[in-house]
Amino acid sequence: MAEVHGILMRVACLEDTLSGKIKAWSEPDRRQSKRIKNLADIARLIEAHPHLWKKLPEELQAQIQKPT
């Protein structure tokens, strides 16, 4: 649960959000533009939360710079 604009709402945890983005990115039938957007979203999550790096598949680790 988290308060969003004064309203208490159920929200996904970081790990679940990352997992969903990885699943969407890995779907071969998705439009290229959507896959690129998901890749960018994954990169932003990793930059903001470096501890998530270890949850990335090797294919994504090869495409995203490891946070320092």
Protein backbone atom coordinates (compact mmCIF):
# COMPACT_ATOMS: atom_id res chain seq x y z
CA MET A 1 0.00 0.00 0.00
CA ALA A 2 1.14 3.51 -0.75
CA GLU A 3 -0.42 6.93 -0.62
CA VAL A 4 -0.76 8.42 -4.10
CA HIS A 5 -2.07 12.01 -4.27
CA GLY A 6 -3.71 11.53 -0.90
CA ILE A 7 -5.36 8.23 -1.80
CA LEU A 8 -4.22 4.94 -0.28
CA MET A 9 -3.64 2.51 -3.17
CA ARG A 10 -2.18 -0.92 -3.78
CA VAL A 11 0.99 -0.65 -5.87
CA ALA A 12 3.41 -3.20 -7.28
CA CYS A 13 6.76 -3.64 -5.57
CA LEU A 14 9.93 -2.82 -7.52
CA GLU A 15 10.71 -6.47 -8.18
CA ASP A 16 7.25 -7.12 -9.63
CA THR A 17 7.47 -4.00 -11.77
CA LEU A 18 10.86 -5.07 -13.11
CA SER A 19 9.59 -8.60 -13.75
CA GLY A 20 6.64 -7.26 -15.75
CA LYS A 21 8.91 -5.01 -17.81
CA ILE A 22 11.28 -7.91 -18.52
CA LYS A 23 8.37 -10.10 -19.60
CA ALA A 24 7.00 -7.38 -21.89
CA TRP A 25 10.46 -6.69 -23.34
CA SER A 26 11.06 -10.37 -24.07
CA GLU A 27 7.78 -10.85 -25.95
CA PRO A 28 8.88 -11.28 -29.60
CA ASP A 29 5.49 -10.31 -31.07
CA ARG A 30 5.43 -6.86 -29.45
CA ARG A 31 6.04 -3.85 -31.65
CA GLN A 32 9.66 -2.72 -31.77
CA SER A 33 8.76 0.68 -30.33
CA LYS A 34 7.14 -0.99 -27.29
CA ARG A 35 10.16 -3.26 -26.75
CA ILE A 36 12.48 -0.23 -26.89
CA LYS A 37 10.29 1.62 -24.38
CA ASN A 38 10.38 -1.38 -22.03
CA LEU A 39 14.17 -1.56 -22.36
CA ALA A 40 14.40 2.13 -21.43
CA ASP A 41 12.07 1.59 -18.47
CA ILE A 42 14.23 -1.32 -17.29
CA ALA A 43 17.38 0.80 -17.61
CA ARG A 44 15.77 3.58 -15.54
CA LEU A 45 14.73 1.11 -12.83
CA ILE A 46 18.28 -0.27 -12.66
CA GLU A 47 19.80 3.22 -12.51
CA ALA A 48 17.48 4.22 -9.66
CA HIS A 49 17.71 0.87 -7.84
CA PRO A 50 21.08 -0.79 -8.60
CA HIS A 51 20.32 -3.75 -6.32
CA LEU A 52 17.90 -4.97 -9.02
CA TRP A 53 20.80 -5.61 -11.45
CA LYS A 54 21.17 -9.21 -10.30
CA LYS A 55 17.56 -9.91 -11.30
CA LEU A 56 18.24 -9.14 -14.99
CA PRO A 57 18.68 -12.00 -17.45
CA GLU A 58 22.12 -12.14 -19.11
CA GLU A 59 20.65 -10.90 -22.40
CA LEU A 60 19.53 -7.68 -20.71
CA GLN A 61 22.75 -7.32 -18.71
CA ALA A 62 24.56 -7.29 -22.06
CA GLN A 63 22.40 -4.37 -23.26
CA ILE A 64 22.25 -2.23 -20.13
CA GLN A 65 25.21 -0.63 -18.46
CA LYS A 66 25.85 -2.05 -14.98
CA PRO A 67 25.29 0.60 -12.31
CA THR A 68 28.31 1.64 -10.26
